[in-house]
Amino acid sequence: MHFHTVIVGAGPGGLACARILADHNIQTLVIERHETIGAKVCAGGITWGGLISRVPQDIAEKSFPVQHIVTRLQKVRIEEPAPIIATVNRVKLGKYMAQQAITAGAEIMTGWQVKAISGQTLIMEQKESRSQQEITFDHLVGADGSNSLVRRHLGLTSNKMGIGINYQINGDLQKMEWHLNSHFFRNGYGWIFPHRETLSIGAYIAQTVIPAQRLKDGLIAWAGTLGFPLEKKQARAEYINYDYQGWRFSRIFLIGDAAGLASGLTGEGIYPAIISGEETARTIIDPDHSTDVMENLIRKQRLHSRMADWTGASPTFNIIAGELVTLGLRCGLIKFSKLEMTASGR
């Protein structure tokens, strides 16, 4: 089979890319190795201005105009007229975005894993039957996450990785909380994100600062101080690639975590994935398409990466920076949106 564009990965970025391409009558195939679209270890928090404006509001499980930030010295309550962040169910979001892409005319194959790429041909294998198919393409888009095969095919390394550990437990809380506790998380953070009937309790950090097992131990100890016993709960973890080295390589493109466009500072990845997916589609349609939106996104990503490096290298600087930023938020000198990956532009 031959397709104009093959997209490896049916996450938010890959599906956003597929929808726009199919809307322009470009023959598009999305290959997803999982049977279920959208399932991923994720706190499920999305910025109101960055993403929720692009999907129906009923996709949101809960929305929060108030954010609570807790450091070792401060407890800050930030409120804005409109919701700042909402939580979503990733499977519901995936189903919605997949249906949009299919309605536009894209084809999606689930349960197939790409095994090899050679020239403009890829070999994929059906996970249950082990049967294989060859697909040829004019353009290839790697939307296949932090351990991207397409990225490795391009010869790119991934040396800057964050790790997020998440527990999804039953519970009904109304407060969304961010905890900047350097004792447990160094320059990372812990979170409590309420969903409709559950709570996401987790932590994020660059893996070079704290290894995964130590982060998990710190997360369990921290949650215990807040009355959430997690010792017997099931943890799920995900690596987050923020080692950005480019997104456009002739007829091959990388988007989202595959491109290393996630925030090294916060781990935010959904918004960069969707933006880079949309901009990749527009570039495939028109090779002279303006790169302004991508350049804005890349600038913000690099700033977050530098901040992660600086605060990770110096515990003292990390504590001072965290307290000053929190004080700035408390006094209204810093807007919460300035800490997000939301880029100016389109």
Protein backbone atom coordinates (compact mmCIF):
# COMPACT_ATOMS: atom_id res chain seq x y z
CA MET A 1 0.00 0.00 0.00
CA HIS A 2 1.12 3.55 -0.68
CA PHE A 3 0.06 6.70 1.20
CA HIS A 4 0.99 10.33 0.68
CA THR A 5 1.65 10.70 4.42
CA VAL A 6 2.10 8.04 7.09
CA ILE A 7 1.89 9.12 10.73
CA VAL A 8 3.35 6.78 13.34
CA GLY A 9 1.46 7.27 16.60
CA ALA A 10 -2.17 8.19 17.34
CA GLY A 11 -1.59 10.56 20.22
CA PRO A 12 -2.99 14.11 20.21
CA GLY A 13 -0.21 15.38 17.92
CA GLY A 14 -0.52 12.61 15.35
CA LEU A 15 -4.31 12.89 15.24
CA ALA A 16 -4.22 16.69 14.94
CA CYS A 17 -1.81 16.32 12.02
CA ALA A 18 -3.99 13.64 10.37
CA ARG A 19 -7.16 15.70 10.62
CA ILE A 20 -5.69 18.71 8.85
CA LEU A 21 -4.05 16.62 6.12
CA ALA A 22 -7.25 14.67 5.46
CA ASP A 23 -9.24 17.91 5.42
CA HIS A 24 -7.07 18.86 2.43
CA ASN A 25 -7.77 15.56 0.66
CA ILE A 26 -4.30 14.17 1.35
CA GLN A 27 -4.27 10.39 1.65
CA THR A 28 -3.21 9.84 5.26
CA LEU A 29 -2.57 6.73 7.33
CA VAL A 30 -2.11 6.73 11.11
CA ILE A 31 -0.45 3.65 12.64
CA GLU A 32 -0.97 3.04 16.36
CA ARG A 33 0.65 0.14 18.20
CA HIS A 34 -1.96 0.04 20.96
CA GLU A 35 -5.48 -1.26 20.41
CA THR A 36 -6.95 1.62 22.41
CA ILE A 37 -6.26 5.17 21.28
CA GLY A 38 -5.41 7.71 23.94
CA ALA A 39 -4.33 5.50 26.84
CA LYS A 40 -1.19 6.99 28.40
CA VAL A 41 0.33 7.68 31.79
CA CYS A 42 -0.59 11.32 32.25
CA ALA A 43 -1.85 13.64 34.97
CA GLY A 44 -4.49 14.77 32.47
CA GLY A 45 -3.99 18.48 33.10
CA ILE A 46 -4.44 20.80 30.13
CA THR A 47 -4.10 24.55 29.99
CA TRP A 48 -7.39 26.30 29.32
CA GLY A 49 -5.98 28.74 26.78
CA GLY A 50 -3.65 26.19 25.24
CA LEU A 51 -5.87 23.21 24.53
CA ILE A 52 -9.39 23.22 25.90
CA SER A 53 -10.32 25.97 23.43
CA ARG A 54 -9.58 23.43 20.65
CA VAL A 55 -11.89 20.68 21.91
CA PRO A 56 -15.48 20.62 23.26
CA GLN A 57 -15.64 21.74 26.85
CA ASP A 58 -17.47 18.54 27.83
CA ILE A 59 -14.18 16.70 27.22
CA ALA A 60 -13.01 18.34 30.43
CA GLU A 61 -13.76 16.37 33.57
CA LYS A 62 -13.17 19.29 35.92
CA SER A 63 -11.98 22.84 35.37
CA PHE A 64 -10.15 25.06 37.82
CA PRO A 65 -10.09 28.88 37.87
CA VAL A 66 -8.15 28.55 41.14
CA GLN A 67 -4.69 26.99 41.48
CA HIS A 68 -3.03 26.18 44.81
CA ILE A 69 0.79 26.25 44.95
CA VAL A 70 2.60 24.99 48.04
CA THR A 71 6.33 25.49 48.64
CA ARG A 72 8.33 24.87 51.80
CA LEU A 73 7.71 28.51 52.83
CA GLN A 74 4.46 29.56 51.14
CA LYS A 75 0.90 28.49 50.42
CA VAL A 76 -0.47 30.48 47.51
CA ARG A 77 -3.97 30.67 46.03
CA ILE A 78 -4.17 32.01 42.47
CA GLU A 79 -7.53 32.84 40.92
CA GLU A 80 -8.45 34.10 37.46
CA PRO A 81 -11.88 34.80 35.89
CA ALA A 82 -11.63 31.91 33.42
CA PRO A 83 -10.43 28.41 34.26
CA ILE A 84 -6.63 28.16 34.24
CA ILE A 85 -6.35 24.39 33.86
CA ALA A 86 -8.79 21.55 33.24
CA THR A 87 -8.40 17.80 33.66
CA VAL A 88 -9.32 15.41 30.86
CA ASN A 89 -9.61 11.68 30.39
CA ARG A 90 -6.95 10.84 27.80
CA VAL A 91 -8.97 7.98 26.30
CA LYS A 92 -11.99 10.25 25.79
CA LEU A 93 -9.76 12.92 24.25
CA GLY A 94 -8.16 10.30 21.98
CA LYS A 95 -11.53 8.97 20.82
CA TYR A 96 -12.75 12.48 20.04
CA MET A 97 -9.64 13.43 18.06
CA ALA A 98 -9.58 10.06 16.26
CA GLN A 99 -13.18 10.51 15.16
CA GLN A 100 -12.35 13.97 13.85
CA ALA A 101 -9.49 12.56 11.79
CA ILE A 102 -11.59 9.66 10.46
CA THR A 103 -14.48 11.96 9.56
CA ALA A 104 -12.02 14.13 7.60
CA GLY A 105 -10.93 11.03 5.66
CA ALA A 106 -7.83 9.71 7.44
CA GLU A 107 -7.31 5.98 7.92
CA ILE A 108 -6.26 4.68 11.34
CA MET A 109 -4.83 1.22 11.97
CA THR A 110 -4.60 0.19 15.64
CA GLY A 111 -2.73 -2.81 17.00
CA TRP A 112 0.07 -2.45 14.45
CA GLN A 113 3.68 -1.70 15.36
CA VAL A 114 6.28 -0.28 12.99
CA LYS A 115 9.28 -2.62 13.02
CA ALA A 116 11.62 -1.03 10.48
CA ILE A 117 12.01 1.97 8.17
CA SER A 118 14.06 1.83 4.98
CA GLY A 119 14.04 4.71 2.52
CA GLN A 120 10.37 5.49 1.86
CA THR A 121 9.17 2.08 3.01
CA LEU A 122 8.19 0.92 6.45
CA ILE A 123 7.46 -2.59 7.69
CA MET A 124 4.76 -2.97 10.31
CA GLU A 125 3.57 -5.98 12.27
CA GLN A 126 0.13 -6.84 13.61
CA LYS A 127 0.69 -7.40 17.33
CA GLU A 128 -1.66 -10.40 17.72
CA SER A 129 -1.21 -12.36 14.49
CA ARG A 130 2.42 -11.28 13.86
CA SER A 131 1.52 -10.79 10.20
CA GLN A 132 3.51 -8.07 8.45
CA GLN A 133 2.79 -5.45 5.81
CA GLU A 134 4.94 -3.04 3.84
CA ILE A 135 3.78 0.56 3.45
CA THR A 136 5.37 3.13 1.16
CA PHE A 137 4.99 6.87 1.66
CA ASP A 138 5.88 10.28 0.32
CA HIS A 139 6.07 11.86 3.80
CA LEU A 140 6.58 10.29 7.21
CA VAL A 141 5.60 11.85 10.55
CA GLY A 142 7.00 10.52 13.82
CA ALA A 143 4.38 11.05 16.50
CA ASP A 144 5.46 7.95 18.39
CA GLY A 145 6.44 9.40 21.74
CA SER A 146 9.61 9.62 23.78
CA ASN A 147 11.00 6.28 22.55
CA SER A 148 10.33 7.19 18.92
CA LEU A 149 11.44 4.70 16.27
CA VAL A 150 11.23 7.46 13.67
CA ARG A 151 13.57 9.64 15.75
CA ARG A 152 16.05 6.77 16.10
CA HIS A 153 15.81 6.14 12.35
CA LEU A 154 17.02 9.72 11.89
CA GLY A 155 20.02 8.99 14.11
CA LEU A 156 18.98 11.39 16.88
CA THR A 157 19.83 10.73 20.51
CA SER A 158 17.54 11.38 23.49
CA ASN A 159 19.72 12.43 26.42
CA LYS A 160 17.34 14.82 28.14
CA MET A 161 14.47 12.83 29.58
CA GLY A 162 12.02 13.61 32.35
CA ILE A 163 10.04 11.03 34.24
CA GLY A 164 6.47 11.31 35.46
CA ILE A 165 5.04 8.88 38.02
CA ASN A 166 1.29 8.81 38.51
CA TYR A 167 -1.20 7.13 40.82
CA GLN A 168 -4.86 7.28 39.78
CA ILE A 169 -6.93 6.64 42.91
CA ASN A 170 -10.58 6.96 43.85
CA GLY A 171 -11.53 10.27 45.39
CA ASP A 172 -13.40 13.52 44.96
CA LEU A 173 -11.51 16.72 45.70
CA GLN A 174 -12.15 20.23 44.44
CA LYS A 175 -8.65 21.74 44.73
CA MET A 176 -5.91 21.42 42.12
CA GLU A 177 -2.55 21.58 43.87
CA TRP A 178 1.10 21.94 42.84
CA HIS A 179 3.76 21.17 45.46
CA LEU A 180 7.28 22.55 45.01
CA ASN A 181 8.90 20.61 47.83
CA SER A 182 12.63 20.36 47.20
CA HIS A 183 13.03 17.87 50.05
CA PHE A 184 11.10 15.25 48.06
CA PHE A 185 11.34 16.47 44.45
CA ARG A 186 14.42 18.73 44.12
CA ASN A 187 13.54 21.02 41.17
CA GLY A 188 10.56 18.89 40.17
CA TYR A 189 7.12 18.97 41.72
CA GLY A 190 4.30 16.86 43.05
CA TRP A 191 0.70 17.28 41.97
CA ILE A 192 -2.86 16.55 43.02
CA PHE A 193 -5.20 16.84 40.03
CA PRO A 194 -8.88 16.00 40.66
CA HIS A 195 -10.77 14.21 37.88
CA ARG A 196 -14.48 13.42 37.80
CA GLU A 197 -14.38 10.43 40.15
CA THR A 198 -10.65 9.95 40.73
CA LEU A 199 -7.52 11.80 41.72
CA SER A 200 -4.23 11.92 39.87
CA ILE A 201 -1.42 12.09 42.41
CA GLY A 202 2.05 12.16 40.96
CA ALA A 203 5.42 13.77 40.53
CA TYR A 204 7.73 14.89 37.73
CA ILE A 205 11.49 15.48 37.55
CA ALA A 206 14.35 15.23 35.07
CA GLN A 207 15.76 11.72 35.43
CA THR A 208 19.34 13.06 35.69
CA VAL A 209 18.36 14.83 38.91
CA ILE A 210 16.49 12.02 40.66
CA PRO A 211 16.35 8.40 39.44
CA ALA A 212 12.95 6.79 39.01
CA GLN A 213 12.95 4.61 42.14
CA ARG A 214 14.04 7.48 44.37
CA LEU A 215 11.34 9.70 42.85
CA LYS A 216 8.74 7.01 43.54
CA ASP A 217 9.91 6.65 47.15
CA GLY A 218 9.76 10.43 47.61
CA LEU A 219 6.31 10.59 46.04
CA ILE A 220 4.95 7.90 48.39
CA ALA A 221 6.50 9.61 51.44
CA TRP A 222 5.18 13.04 50.41
CA ALA A 223 1.67 11.75 49.68
CA GLY A 224 1.65 10.03 53.06
CA THR A 225 2.18 13.36 54.81
CA LEU A 226 -1.00 14.59 53.09
CA GLY A 227 -3.09 11.57 54.05
CA PHE A 228 -2.84 9.59 50.80
CA PRO A 229 -1.39 6.12 51.51
CA LEU A 230 0.00 4.94 48.17
CA GLU A 231 2.21 2.03 49.24
CA LYS A 232 -0.25 -0.62 48.04
CA LYS A 233 -1.50 1.31 45.01
CA GLN A 234 -0.37 0.68 41.45
CA ALA A 235 2.03 3.29 40.08
CA ARG A 236 2.44 4.02 36.40
CA ALA A 237 5.40 5.86 34.91
CA GLU A 238 6.26 7.51 31.61
CA TYR A 239 9.44 9.01 30.21
CA ILE A 240 9.12 12.48 28.70
CA ASN A 241 11.59 13.54 26.01
CA TYR A 242 12.69 17.17 26.03
CA ASP A 243 15.88 16.75 24.00
CA TYR A 244 14.81 18.91 21.05
CA GLN A 245 17.11 18.57 18.00
CA GLY A 246 14.82 19.55 15.14
CA TRP A 247 11.41 18.76 13.69
CA ARG A 248 11.78 18.92 9.87
CA PHE A 249 14.14 16.53 8.05
CA SER A 250 13.29 16.74 4.34
CA ARG A 251 10.29 14.38 3.95
CA ILE A 252 10.39 13.15 7.56
CA PHE A 253 8.93 15.16 10.45
CA LEU A 254 8.94 14.78 14.23
CA ILE A 255 6.24 16.14 16.50
CA GLY A 256 5.51 16.24 20.22
CA ASP A 257 7.61 14.02 22.47
CA ALA A 258 9.18 12.34 19.42
CA ALA A 259 10.69 15.73 18.58
CA GLY A 260 11.63 16.42 22.20
CA LEU A 261 9.21 19.36 22.35
CA ALA A 262 7.83 18.66 25.82
CA SER A 263 8.69 21.01 28.67
CA GLY A 264 11.76 19.90 30.57
CA LEU A 265 10.62 22.08 33.47
CA THR A 266 7.03 20.84 33.94
CA GLY A 267 6.68 17.82 31.64
CA GLU A 268 3.81 19.51 29.77
CA GLY A 269 3.46 17.71 26.45
CA ILE A 270 -0.11 17.69 25.10
CA TYR A 271 -0.12 21.28 23.89
CA PRO A 272 3.30 21.11 22.16
CA ALA A 273 2.23 17.85 20.49
CA ILE A 274 -0.96 19.34 19.06
CA ILE A 275 0.68 22.56 17.90
CA SER A 276 3.60 20.76 16.24
CA GLY A 277 1.19 18.27 14.68
CA GLU A 278 -0.91 21.03 13.18
CA GLU A 279 2.09 22.97 11.94
CA THR A 280 3.64 19.85 10.41
CA ALA A 281 0.44 19.19 8.49
CA ARG A 282 0.39 22.76 7.18
CA THR A 283 4.04 22.45 6.15
CA ILE A 284 3.40 19.20 4.27
CA ILE A 285 0.50 20.88 2.47
CA ASP A 286 2.55 24.00 1.73
CA PRO A 287 6.36 23.68 2.07
CA ASP A 288 6.57 27.49 2.20
CA HIS A 289 4.22 27.70 5.18
CA SER A 290 5.42 30.19 7.81
CA THR A 291 7.47 28.68 10.64
CA ASP A 292 6.58 31.47 13.10
CA VAL A 293 4.34 29.31 15.29
CA MET A 294 6.91 26.54 15.53
CA GLU A 295 9.68 29.03 16.26
CA ASN A 296 7.64 30.48 19.14
CA LEU A 297 7.03 27.00 20.52
CA ILE A 298 10.71 26.04 20.20
CA ARG A 299 11.83 29.23 21.97
CA LYS A 300 9.54 28.46 24.91
CA GLN A 301 10.71 24.83 24.99
CA ARG A 302 14.36 25.87 25.06
CA LEU A 303 13.69 28.36 27.85
CA HIS A 304 12.03 25.63 29.93
CA SER A 305 14.95 23.29 29.20
CA ARG A 306 17.49 25.87 30.36
CA MET A 307 15.50 26.53 33.53
CA ALA A 308 15.36 22.79 34.25
CA ASP A 309 19.14 22.58 33.80
CA TRP A 310 19.86 25.62 35.99
CA THR A 311 17.57 24.66 38.87
CA GLY A 312 18.67 21.03 38.69
CA ALA A 313 22.34 21.95 38.95
CA SER A 314 22.03 24.11 42.08
CA PRO A 315 19.73 23.16 44.98
CA THR A 316 20.16 26.64 46.48
CA PHE A 317 19.25 28.40 43.24
CA ASN A 318 16.33 26.02 42.82
CA ILE A 319 14.86 26.88 46.24
CA ILE A 320 15.33 30.63 45.72
CA ALA A 321 13.88 30.53 42.19
CA GLY A 322 10.87 28.50 43.31
CA GLU A 323 10.08 30.82 46.19
CA LEU A 324 10.54 33.96 44.07
CA VAL A 325 8.32 32.68 41.25
CA THR A 326 5.65 31.65 43.74
CA LEU A 327 5.86 35.07 45.41
CA GLY A 328 5.54 36.70 41.97
CA LEU A 329 2.40 34.66 41.29
CA ARG A 330 1.04 35.57 44.70
CA CYS A 331 1.58 39.30 44.11
CA GLY A 332 0.27 39.23 40.55
CA LEU A 333 3.65 40.12 39.06
CA ILE A 334 3.75 36.82 37.15
CA LYS A 335 0.81 35.31 35.30
CA PHE A 336 0.33 31.56 35.61
CA SER A 337 0.19 31.36 31.81
CA LYS A 338 3.84 32.50 31.65
CA LEU A 339 4.83 29.14 33.15
CA GLU A 340 2.96 27.18 30.47
CA MET A 341 4.12 26.01 27.07
CA THR A 342 1.37 28.01 25.37
CA ALA A 343 3.12 29.88 22.55
CA SER A 344 2.10 33.20 21.09
CA GLY A 345 1.05 33.14 17.50
CA ARG A 346 -1.67 31.08 15.84
